[in-house]
Protein backbone atom coordinates (compact mmCIF):
# COMPACT_ATOMS: atom_id res chain seq x y z
CA MET A 1 87.99 -10.55 34.64
CA LYS A 2 88.29 -6.86 35.40
CA THR A 3 89.20 -5.86 38.93
CA ALA A 4 85.97 -3.95 39.42
CA LYS A 5 83.90 -6.92 38.32
CA LEU A 6 85.87 -9.27 40.55
CA ALA A 7 85.34 -6.95 43.49
CA SER A 8 81.64 -6.84 42.73
CA VAL A 9 81.41 -10.63 42.60
CA LEU A 10 83.31 -10.98 45.87
CA MET A 11 81.08 -8.39 47.50
CA PHE A 12 78.06 -10.35 46.24
CA VAL A 13 79.48 -13.54 47.73
CA SER A 14 80.13 -11.97 51.13
CA ALA A 15 76.95 -9.90 51.35
CA LEU A 16 74.45 -12.27 49.75
CA PHE A 17 75.68 -15.82 49.66
CA LEU A 18 77.60 -16.23 52.89
CA CYS A 19 74.71 -15.94 55.25
CA GLY A 20 76.68 -15.00 58.35
CA MET A 21 76.28 -11.24 58.68
CA ALA A 22 73.81 -9.88 61.23
CA PHE A 23 70.78 -8.18 59.61
CA ALA A 24 72.15 -9.14 56.19
CA GLN A 25 71.21 -12.78 55.92
CA VAL A 26 69.60 -14.31 52.86
CA VAL A 27 68.02 -17.65 53.69
CA ASP A 28 67.22 -20.64 51.53
CA HIS A 29 63.97 -21.96 52.98
CA GLY A 30 64.88 -25.37 51.64
CA VAL A 31 62.92 -28.15 50.03
CA GLN A 32 59.19 -27.51 50.11
CA THR A 33 57.49 -30.67 51.35
CA ALA A 34 53.85 -29.71 50.98
CA SER A 35 52.17 -31.71 48.22
CA ARG A 36 51.69 -29.77 44.98
CA GLY A 37 50.34 -32.62 42.90
CA THR A 38 53.68 -33.23 41.22
CA GLY A 39 54.04 -36.52 39.34
CA LEU A 40 50.57 -36.81 37.84
CA ALA A 41 49.74 -37.39 34.21
CA LEU A 42 48.67 -34.49 32.02
CA ALA A 43 44.99 -33.65 32.55
CA SER A 44 44.19 -34.74 28.99
CA VAL A 45 45.81 -38.12 29.69
CA GLN A 46 43.81 -38.54 32.88
CA ALA A 47 40.71 -37.87 30.75
CA ASN A 48 41.97 -40.53 28.28
CA ASP A 49 41.34 -38.15 25.38
CA ASN A 50 43.27 -40.46 23.06
CA PRO A 51 41.81 -43.89 23.93
CA GLY A 52 44.52 -46.02 25.46
CA ILE A 53 46.81 -43.15 26.43
CA LEU A 54 46.00 -43.44 30.14
CA ALA A 55 46.70 -47.18 30.05
CA ALA A 56 50.02 -46.45 28.32
CA PHE A 57 50.93 -43.92 31.02
CA ASN A 58 50.14 -46.37 33.83
CA ASP A 59 51.98 -49.19 32.08
CA GLY A 60 55.06 -46.97 31.74
CA LEU A 61 54.75 -45.86 35.36
CA ASN A 62 54.72 -49.48 36.52
CA ARG A 63 57.67 -50.52 34.38
CA PHE A 64 59.59 -47.44 35.52
CA GLN A 65 59.41 -48.90 39.03
CA ASN A 66 60.36 -52.47 38.12
CA VAL A 67 63.47 -53.90 39.76
CA GLU A 68 65.73 -55.44 37.14
CA ALA A 69 67.69 -58.66 37.65
CA VAL A 70 70.38 -60.42 35.63
CA SER A 71 68.15 -63.43 35.01
CA GLY A 72 65.39 -65.47 36.60
CA THR A 73 62.51 -62.96 36.47
CA PRO A 74 60.52 -61.30 33.67
CA ASP A 75 62.64 -58.16 34.18
CA ILE A 76 66.08 -59.38 33.13
CA GLY A 77 69.18 -57.95 31.53
CA LEU A 78 70.85 -56.08 34.40
CA GLY A 79 74.57 -55.55 33.92
CA PRO A 80 77.29 -56.58 33.34
CA ARG A 81 77.89 -53.10 34.79
CA PHE A 82 75.25 -50.82 36.26
CA ASN A 83 74.61 -47.80 38.49
CA PHE A 84 71.27 -49.01 39.88
CA ASN A 85 68.58 -51.58 39.17
CA SER A 86 65.43 -49.46 38.85
CA CYS A 87 64.59 -46.21 37.05
CA ALA A 88 62.45 -45.06 39.96
CA GLY A 89 65.21 -45.66 42.48
CA CYS A 90 67.09 -42.63 41.16
CA HIS A 91 64.09 -40.64 39.82
CA ALA A 92 62.27 -40.63 43.14
CA VAL A 93 61.63 -37.17 44.64
CA PRO A 94 59.11 -35.67 45.15
CA ALA A 95 57.32 -38.41 43.17
CA VAL A 96 58.14 -41.14 40.69
CA GLY A 97 59.83 -39.40 37.77
CA GLY A 98 61.67 -36.85 39.90
CA THR A 99 65.30 -36.69 40.93
CA GLY A 100 67.46 -38.27 43.63
CA PRO A 101 66.14 -38.93 47.15
CA ALA A 102 67.60 -37.70 50.44
CA VAL A 103 68.82 -41.20 51.31
CA ASN A 104 70.96 -42.50 48.49
CA PRO A 105 69.80 -45.99 47.42
CA GLN A 106 73.19 -46.66 45.81
CA PHE A 107 74.86 -46.46 49.21
CA ARG A 108 72.75 -49.27 50.63
CA GLY A 109 73.10 -51.58 47.65
CA VAL A 110 76.43 -53.29 48.33
CA GLY A 111 76.21 -56.25 50.68
CA SER A 112 76.47 -59.99 51.02
CA CYS A 113 75.01 -62.01 48.18
CA ALA A 114 74.75 -65.11 50.35
CA ASN A 115 71.03 -64.56 50.87
CA GLY A 116 70.20 -63.47 47.34
CA VAL A 117 69.77 -60.05 45.80
CA ALA A 118 67.00 -57.47 45.59
CA GLY A 119 64.67 -57.98 42.68
CA LEU A 120 64.36 -61.73 42.91
CA SER A 121 61.76 -61.52 45.66
CA ASN A 122 59.66 -58.69 44.22
CA ASP A 123 60.26 -56.74 47.42
CA VAL A 124 59.58 -53.29 45.97
CA THR A 125 56.05 -51.92 46.12
CA HIS A 126 54.77 -50.06 43.06
CA VAL A 127 53.02 -46.78 43.76
CA GLY A 128 50.58 -44.70 41.77
CA ALA A 129 51.20 -41.49 39.88
CA GLY A 130 52.19 -38.59 42.08
CA GLN A 131 53.52 -40.78 44.87
CA PRO A 132 57.12 -40.79 46.12
CA THR A 133 59.19 -43.87 45.37
CA PRO A 134 59.49 -46.24 48.34
CA GLN A 135 62.98 -46.85 49.64
CA GLN A 136 64.40 -50.04 48.24
CA THR A 137 66.11 -52.49 50.58
CA GLY A 138 68.44 -55.37 49.87
CA THR A 139 71.71 -56.09 48.13
CA ILE A 140 72.15 -55.26 44.46
CA ALA A 141 75.95 -55.71 44.21
CA CYS A 142 78.07 -58.27 46.04
CA ASN A 143 80.55 -57.00 48.60
CA SER A 144 82.95 -59.77 47.64
CA THR A 145 83.44 -58.10 44.25
CA ASN A 146 82.25 -54.50 44.79
CA ALA A 147 83.00 -51.66 47.17
CA ILE A 148 81.01 -48.47 47.66
CA PRO A 149 82.96 -45.63 45.99
CA SER A 150 83.98 -42.84 48.36
CA PHE A 151 81.75 -40.31 46.61
CA ILE A 152 78.61 -42.39 47.17
CA THR A 153 77.39 -41.50 50.65
CA GLN A 154 74.27 -42.32 52.62
CA ASN A 155 72.87 -38.80 52.60
CA GLY A 156 74.52 -37.59 49.42
CA PRO A 157 73.20 -37.43 45.87
CA THR A 158 72.51 -40.36 43.58
CA ARG A 159 75.35 -40.08 41.08
CA GLU A 160 76.98 -41.37 37.95
CA ALA A 161 80.74 -40.87 37.54
CA ARG A 162 82.90 -39.92 34.58
CA PHE A 163 86.64 -39.50 34.00
CA PRO A 164 87.21 -36.45 31.79
CA PHE A 165 90.50 -37.90 30.53
CA PHE A 166 92.06 -41.32 30.08
CA PHE A 167 95.10 -42.11 32.25
CA ASN A 168 98.80 -42.09 31.60
CA ALA A 169 100.75 -45.17 32.65
CA ASN A 170 101.57 -43.53 35.99
CA GLY A 171 97.90 -42.91 36.81
CA THR A 172 97.84 -39.19 36.01
CA PRO A 173 95.23 -37.85 33.58
CA ASN A 174 96.35 -37.61 29.96
CA LEU A 175 95.05 -34.18 28.99
CA ASN A 176 95.60 -35.02 25.31
CA ASN A 177 93.31 -38.06 25.45
CA PRO A 178 89.75 -37.05 26.40
CA ASN A 179 87.37 -39.64 27.84
CA GLY A 180 84.11 -38.38 29.38
CA GLY A 181 82.14 -41.63 29.22
CA VAL A 182 80.19 -43.01 32.16
CA GLU A 183 82.30 -45.16 34.50
CA THR A 184 79.62 -47.44 35.87
CA LEU A 185 79.68 -47.95 39.64
CA PHE A 186 78.91 -51.66 40.14
CA THR A 187 79.37 -55.03 38.46
CA VAL A 188 77.15 -58.11 38.54
CA SER A 189 80.17 -60.28 39.37
CA GLY A 190 79.29 -62.81 42.05
CA ARG A 191 75.52 -62.34 41.85
CA PRO A 192 73.76 -65.70 42.11
CA ASP A 193 71.36 -64.80 39.29
CA GLY A 194 74.01 -64.72 36.57
CA GLY A 195 77.31 -63.22 37.65
CA GLN A 196 79.07 -66.26 39.07
CA ASN A 197 81.38 -66.69 36.07
CA CYS A 198 81.64 -63.02 35.09
CA SER A 199 84.74 -61.47 36.65
CA LEU A 200 84.85 -57.68 36.30
CA GLN A 201 86.64 -55.00 38.28
CA GLN A 202 85.12 -51.65 39.24
CA PRO A 203 86.65 -48.58 37.59
CA SER A 204 89.72 -46.97 39.18
CA PHE A 205 87.77 -44.36 41.15
CA ALA A 206 90.48 -43.81 43.77
CA THR A 207 93.12 -43.13 41.11
CA ALA A 208 90.78 -40.75 39.31
CA ALA A 209 90.00 -38.87 42.51
CA ALA A 210 93.68 -38.59 43.42
CA GLY A 211 94.39 -37.13 39.97
CA ASN A 212 91.44 -34.72 40.02
CA ASN A 213 90.05 -36.63 37.08
CA LEU A 214 86.56 -37.40 38.37
CA ILE A 215 83.26 -35.62 37.75
CA PHE A 216 79.65 -36.44 38.51
CA ARG A 217 76.14 -36.10 37.15
CA ILE A 218 72.85 -36.50 39.02
CA PRO A 219 69.46 -37.55 37.61
CA THR A 220 67.42 -34.85 35.90
CA PRO A 221 63.72 -34.61 36.86
CA LEU A 222 61.32 -35.74 34.14
CA PHE A 223 58.13 -33.80 34.87
CA GLY A 224 56.88 -31.87 31.85
CA VAL A 225 59.55 -33.15 29.47
CA GLY A 226 56.93 -34.10 26.88
CA LEU A 227 56.21 -30.42 26.42
CA MET A 228 59.90 -29.70 25.88
CA GLU A 229 60.09 -32.52 23.35
CA ASN A 230 57.14 -31.08 21.40
CA LEU A 231 58.64 -27.61 20.85
CA ASP A 232 59.46 -27.27 17.17
CA ASP A 233 62.92 -26.05 16.18
CA SER A 234 61.65 -22.84 14.60
CA THR A 235 60.12 -21.78 17.93
CA LEU A 236 63.42 -22.39 19.73
CA LEU A 237 65.43 -20.59 17.05
CA SER A 238 63.15 -17.56 17.16
CA ASN A 239 63.34 -17.54 20.93
CA ARG A 240 67.14 -17.59 20.74
CA LEU A 241 67.14 -14.47 18.56
CA ARG A 242 65.02 -12.68 21.16
CA ASN A 243 67.34 -13.84 23.93
CA LEU A 244 70.40 -12.46 22.13
CA ASN A 245 68.97 -8.96 22.50
CA ASN A 246 70.18 -8.53 26.07
CA GLY A 247 72.58 -6.36 28.00
CA PHE A 248 74.02 -9.09 30.17
CA GLY A 249 76.66 -10.62 27.90
CA VAL A 250 74.66 -13.79 27.35
CA ALA A 251 75.05 -15.63 24.04
CA GLY A 252 73.84 -19.23 23.82
CA THR A 253 73.70 -21.91 21.16
CA PHE A 254 72.06 -25.30 20.64
CA ASN A 255 73.34 -28.84 20.72
CA ARG A 256 72.30 -30.77 17.62
CA ASN A 257 71.60 -34.30 16.48
CA GLY A 258 74.49 -35.71 14.48
CA ASN A 259 72.09 -37.51 12.13
CA ASP A 260 69.54 -34.94 11.01
CA GLY A 261 70.94 -31.72 12.46
CA THR A 262 67.85 -30.89 14.52
CA ILE A 263 68.05 -29.42 18.03
CA THR A 264 68.67 -31.85 20.86
CA ARG A 265 67.30 -31.02 24.29
CA PHE A 266 67.58 -33.73 26.98
CA GLY A 267 70.40 -34.36 29.44
CA TRP A 268 72.69 -31.93 31.28
CA LYS A 269 74.34 -30.97 27.99
CA ALA A 270 71.23 -31.40 25.82
CA GLN A 271 72.94 -34.38 24.21
CA ASN A 272 69.82 -36.45 23.52
CA LYS A 273 67.29 -35.73 20.80
CA SER A 274 64.17 -37.52 22.03
CA LEU A 275 62.71 -39.18 25.10
CA HIS A 276 63.05 -42.53 23.35
CA ILE A 277 66.80 -42.00 22.92
CA PHE A 278 67.06 -40.59 26.43
CA SER A 279 65.34 -43.71 27.82
CA GLY A 280 67.29 -46.17 25.68
CA GLU A 281 70.62 -44.65 26.60
CA ALA A 282 69.78 -44.68 30.32
CA TYR A 283 68.63 -48.31 30.17
CA ASN A 284 71.92 -49.30 28.54
CA VAL A 285 74.30 -47.04 30.46
CA GLU A 286 72.73 -46.85 33.93
CA MET A 287 71.45 -50.44 34.14
CA GLY A 288 73.44 -52.23 31.46
CA ILE A 289 70.32 -53.41 29.64
CA SER A 290 70.56 -53.63 25.87
CA ASN A 291 67.49 -52.52 23.93
CA LEU A 292 66.14 -51.73 20.49
CA LEU A 293 68.05 -48.42 20.38
CA PHE A 294 71.28 -49.58 22.06
CA GLN A 295 71.56 -53.24 21.17
CA GLN A 296 74.90 -54.31 22.65
CA ASP A 297 76.20 -54.74 26.18
CA ARG A 298 78.28 -51.69 27.01
CA PRO A 299 81.92 -51.98 28.09
CA LEU A 300 83.59 -49.19 30.06
CA PRO A 301 85.48 -46.48 28.21
CA GLY A 302 88.91 -48.07 27.73
CA GLU A 303 87.56 -51.63 27.71
CA ASP A 304 86.46 -50.87 24.15
CA GLY A 305 89.87 -49.65 22.98
CA ALA A 306 88.79 -46.00 22.95
CA ASP A 307 91.84 -45.08 25.02
CA GLY A 308 94.17 -46.28 22.28
CA SER A 309 94.82 -49.65 23.89
CA ASN A 310 94.25 -53.08 22.39
CA SER A 311 91.31 -53.84 24.68
CA THR A 312 88.65 -56.01 23.05
CA GLY A 313 85.57 -55.26 25.13
CA LEU A 314 83.73 -57.36 27.68
CA PRO A 315 84.85 -60.95 28.22
CA ALA A 316 82.66 -63.67 26.71
CA SER A 317 81.76 -64.87 30.21
CA CYS A 318 80.01 -61.55 30.85
CA LEU A 319 77.89 -61.51 27.69
CA ASN A 320 74.28 -62.68 27.33
CA LEU A 321 73.99 -63.27 31.06
CA GLY A 322 70.20 -63.35 30.84
CA GLY A 323 70.43 -66.20 28.36
CA ASN A 324 67.77 -64.92 25.97
CA GLY A 325 69.95 -63.18 23.40
CA TYR A 326 69.99 -59.54 22.33
CA PRO A 327 68.48 -57.04 22.67
CA GLU A 328 67.48 -57.91 26.20
CA ASP A 329 64.62 -55.38 26.08
CA SER A 330 62.54 -55.98 22.94
CA ASN A 331 58.95 -55.64 21.81
CA ASN A 332 56.40 -58.43 21.94
CA PRO A 333 54.70 -58.67 18.54
CA GLY A 334 52.57 -61.61 19.62
CA SER A 335 50.96 -59.63 22.41
CA THR A 336 48.09 -57.16 22.29
CA GLY A 337 47.54 -53.80 23.93
CA VAL A 338 50.22 -51.96 25.86
CA ALA A 339 52.16 -55.19 26.42
CA VAL A 340 53.46 -54.92 22.85
CA PHE A 341 55.73 -52.07 23.92
CA ASP A 342 59.32 -52.68 24.80
CA ASP A 343 60.35 -51.15 28.13
CA VAL A 344 62.14 -48.20 26.52
CA SER A 345 58.99 -47.23 24.61
CA ALA A 346 56.93 -47.59 27.78
CA PHE A 347 59.38 -45.38 29.70
CA ALA A 348 59.21 -42.75 26.95
CA ASN A 349 55.40 -42.79 26.97
CA PHE A 350 55.38 -42.32 30.73
CA MET A 351 57.85 -39.43 30.60
CA ARG A 352 56.16 -37.82 27.63
CA THR A 353 52.80 -37.62 29.37
CA LEU A 354 53.97 -36.49 32.83
CA ALA A 355 52.48 -33.10 33.70
CA PRO A 356 54.75 -30.15 34.47
CA PRO A 357 55.50 -29.66 38.17
CA PRO A 358 53.02 -27.13 39.60
CA PRO A 359 54.51 -24.11 41.40
CA GLY A 360 53.51 -23.43 44.97
CA GLY A 361 54.06 -21.27 47.98
CA VAL A 362 57.03 -21.25 50.34
CA ALA A 363 56.45 -21.96 54.00
CA GLY A 364 56.51 -18.70 55.97
CA VAL A 365 56.86 -16.49 52.87
CA THR A 366 54.27 -14.02 51.62
CA ALA A 367 52.83 -14.00 48.13
CA ALA A 368 54.06 -10.41 47.77
CA SER A 369 57.65 -11.52 48.36
CA ILE A 370 57.37 -14.21 45.71
CA ALA A 371 55.77 -11.81 43.22
CA ASN A 372 58.52 -9.25 43.78
CA GLY A 373 61.15 -11.96 43.37
CA ARG A 374 59.64 -13.00 40.06
CA SER A 375 59.95 -9.41 38.75
CA LEU A 376 63.52 -9.16 39.99
CA PHE A 377 64.37 -12.49 38.33
CA SER A 378 63.85 -10.80 34.97
CA ALA A 379 65.25 -7.42 36.00
CA VAL A 380 68.67 -8.77 36.98
CA GLY A 381 68.98 -10.93 33.86
CA CYS A 382 68.33 -14.45 35.17
CA ALA A 383 65.44 -14.84 32.73
CA VAL A 384 67.72 -14.26 29.72
CA CYS A 385 68.71 -17.93 30.01
CA HIS A 386 66.03 -19.24 32.36
CA ASN A 387 63.19 -18.07 30.10
CA PRO A 388 59.82 -18.36 31.87
CA THR A 389 58.80 -20.13 28.67
CA PRO A 390 60.76 -20.67 25.44
CA GLY A 391 57.52 -20.81 23.47
CA THR A 392 54.38 -22.80 22.68
CA THR A 393 54.33 -26.41 21.55
CA GLN A 394 53.41 -27.63 18.10
CA ALA A 395 50.33 -29.75 17.37
CA SER A 396 50.34 -33.24 18.88
CA ASN A 397 48.62 -36.50 18.00
CA VAL A 398 49.64 -38.06 21.33
CA THR A 399 47.34 -36.16 23.68
CA GLY A 400 45.70 -32.75 23.72
CA GLY A 401 47.77 -31.57 26.70
CA LEU A 402 50.91 -31.56 24.55
CA ALA A 403 49.41 -29.43 21.77
CA ASN A 404 49.64 -25.64 21.46
CA ALA A 405 50.66 -25.33 25.11
CA PRO A 406 53.08 -22.95 26.83
CA VAL A 407 56.16 -24.58 28.33
CA PRO A 408 56.81 -22.87 31.71
CA SER A 409 60.18 -24.61 32.11
CA PHE A 410 62.32 -21.56 32.94
CA SER A 411 64.84 -22.72 30.35
CA ASP A 412 65.80 -21.67 26.83
CA ILE A 413 67.14 -25.23 26.17
CA GLU A 414 70.32 -23.55 24.92
CA LEU A 415 73.94 -24.27 25.80
CA HIS A 416 75.81 -21.61 27.76
CA HIS A 417 79.38 -21.23 28.96
CA MET A 418 79.24 -21.53 32.75
CA GLY A 419 82.90 -20.80 33.48
CA THR A 420 85.67 -22.58 35.31
CA GLY A 421 83.65 -23.04 38.50
CA LEU A 422 81.11 -25.40 36.92
CA ALA A 423 83.18 -26.81 34.04
CA ASP A 424 83.46 -30.59 34.01
CA ASN A 425 85.82 -30.86 30.99
CA VAL A 426 83.46 -33.29 29.26
CA SER A 427 82.30 -32.60 25.71
CA GLN A 428 79.08 -34.08 24.34
CA GLY A 429 78.12 -33.23 20.79
CA ALA A 430 78.49 -29.48 20.34
CA ALA A 431 78.65 -28.90 24.10
CA GLY A 432 82.15 -28.13 25.34
CA GLY A 433 83.73 -28.70 28.72
CA ASP A 434 82.17 -25.65 30.40
CA GLN A 435 78.88 -25.62 28.50
CA PHE A 436 75.57 -26.84 29.90
CA ARG A 437 71.96 -26.71 28.84
CA THR A 438 70.08 -24.12 30.87
CA ALA A 439 68.65 -26.30 33.62
CA PRO A 440 64.84 -26.05 33.73
CA LEU A 441 63.80 -24.51 37.05
CA TRP A 442 60.22 -25.73 37.19
CA GLY A 443 59.94 -27.92 40.27
CA LEU A 444 63.04 -26.35 41.85
CA GLY A 445 61.23 -25.83 45.14
CA GLN A 446 61.04 -29.58 45.71
CA ARG A 447 64.57 -30.59 44.69
CA ILE A 448 67.07 -31.70 47.28
CA PHE A 449 70.41 -31.81 45.42
CA LEU A 450 71.36 -28.97 43.08
CA LEU A 451 73.60 -28.31 40.06
CA HIS A 452 74.65 -30.97 37.57
CA ASP A 453 76.78 -32.87 40.09
CA GLY A 454 74.63 -32.45 43.20
CA ARG A 455 77.42 -30.66 45.04
CA THR A 456 75.06 -28.68 47.27
CA THR A 457 71.59 -28.72 48.78
CA ASN A 458 71.63 -24.96 49.37
CA LEU A 459 70.05 -22.84 46.66
CA ILE A 460 72.16 -19.80 47.55
CA THR A 461 75.36 -21.80 47.12
CA ALA A 462 74.08 -23.08 43.77
CA ILE A 463 73.36 -19.54 42.56
CA ASN A 464 76.81 -18.39 43.63
CA ALA A 465 78.42 -21.25 41.70
CA HIS A 466 77.16 -19.64 38.48
CA GLY A 467 79.78 -16.89 38.88
CA SER A 468 83.34 -17.71 37.83
CA ASN A 469 85.85 -16.85 35.15
CA GLY A 470 84.24 -17.28 31.72
CA SER A 471 80.66 -17.64 32.92
CA GLU A 472 77.89 -15.97 30.96
CA ALA A 473 76.10 -15.41 34.27
CA ASN A 474 78.67 -13.00 35.75
CA THR A 475 76.99 -9.75 34.72
CA SER A 476 73.64 -10.95 35.99
CA LEU A 477 75.21 -11.88 39.33
CA ASN A 478 76.86 -8.48 39.57
CA THR A 479 73.51 -6.83 38.89
CA ALA A 480 71.90 -8.86 41.66
CA ALA A 481 74.69 -7.72 43.98
CA GLY A 482 73.27 -4.21 43.78
CA LEU A 483 69.91 -5.25 45.16
CA SER A 484 68.96 -4.66 48.74
CA ILE A 485 69.13 -7.67 51.05
CA SER A 486 65.32 -7.67 51.17
CA ASN A 487 65.09 -7.86 47.39
CA GLN A 488 67.76 -10.55 47.28
CA GLN A 489 65.70 -12.57 49.73
CA ASP A 490 62.59 -12.14 47.58
CA LEU A 491 64.52 -13.42 44.60
CA VAL A 492 65.55 -16.59 46.45
CA ASN A 493 62.00 -17.02 47.77
CA PHE A 494 60.63 -16.89 44.24
CA LEU A 495 62.99 -19.63 43.09
CA ARG A 496 61.88 -21.92 45.90
CA SER A 497 58.26 -21.30 44.92
CA LEU A 498 58.79 -22.90 41.52
């Protein structure tokens, strides 16, 4: 980086993002708590324009909140390894389908199994569309076999963990042997509903942390994702060509499906093609539940021999713990109506028909400030990646609200190099270690934890993290550094209005 640019970035950090200078403070007004109607179904779904679509949405909403157990209830299949036992536990704020809550449910999940485990007593109340997820209580992992990892804290983000590299024999990362798979937090070992004979150890989180070989991801919000799914590739490709005509040094490319070559768009690195695949992967990876898309119990990276060892996967005592065979989540061909869906299909239907998060005001901020901030957002180059809309959806036979509609996601759905400051050294598909999908900003005003790993709750800190060696955002940040403090504040106010 040139000296002049570095000086400009440092000046930007000190003048804009370290809010300690008198008369020069830029303030993040924080999470906006006023209800905006986030978490409702698309208006066309509420009108049931495609008979049965509203019932499918509500069925998916209910299943999204179900608490999964190893065995003994209708909702079985949890484990052998898992990060949590309910979709809605991690997709909770500001309504079911959102992102992680202020109080991390993972932190409260490890306890004594002497009195049973959550999920066997149906102790979680289902809520309607648009309502926040209730806090779950009770043990989900036994403290005789599990410990809470150091990076899971009571008031920190809901997280999954990954090791970018496999280990050498001495516990240091082997930079020539990339890993990057999810290292699931908890095991079912010791649970009275099926883990008594399954003996599994948690991953070596302490060793990974000591070797700086540990990265995190937080849940992505799901509002409006059906619109993103229904953008045809030609629209995205044309939008990319328009985006390339910029003076901010921004390039951008797409991640692609290894099977048919089409553009993938879901996940922090746009690694998943569809909401079905996104749901199936999460069911298998985050909860350990095999399904029609991912039909086998998942061992950890390394347990499957991927590290070059002779490991042979999960022990036989940890397989088929539910006792019903595989896949644990399957369809029900003898049933009628929405009950014929497998859970993954129901999840996908729910996500697909969630309405986009409505924008709103910011407490104590004028409409003029927000309007000025929106203009500045484009003027300084933020909108080159965070496009107010990447285009209009194609026709849909699911519901009218998905057809020929703008997608106000503030994302181009492209991959961009974000530099050393945000790099996680994990590659997924065409996405390299410092590349991420442009995070959609709709609903930003109501998010608590920010960036892919939830490292901050402060929007100003998150913006600043975009600037580092190799980041495509550097020129845009330098341009913003030339704004007056008042204009910089308007820009931040606008973002919290989304």
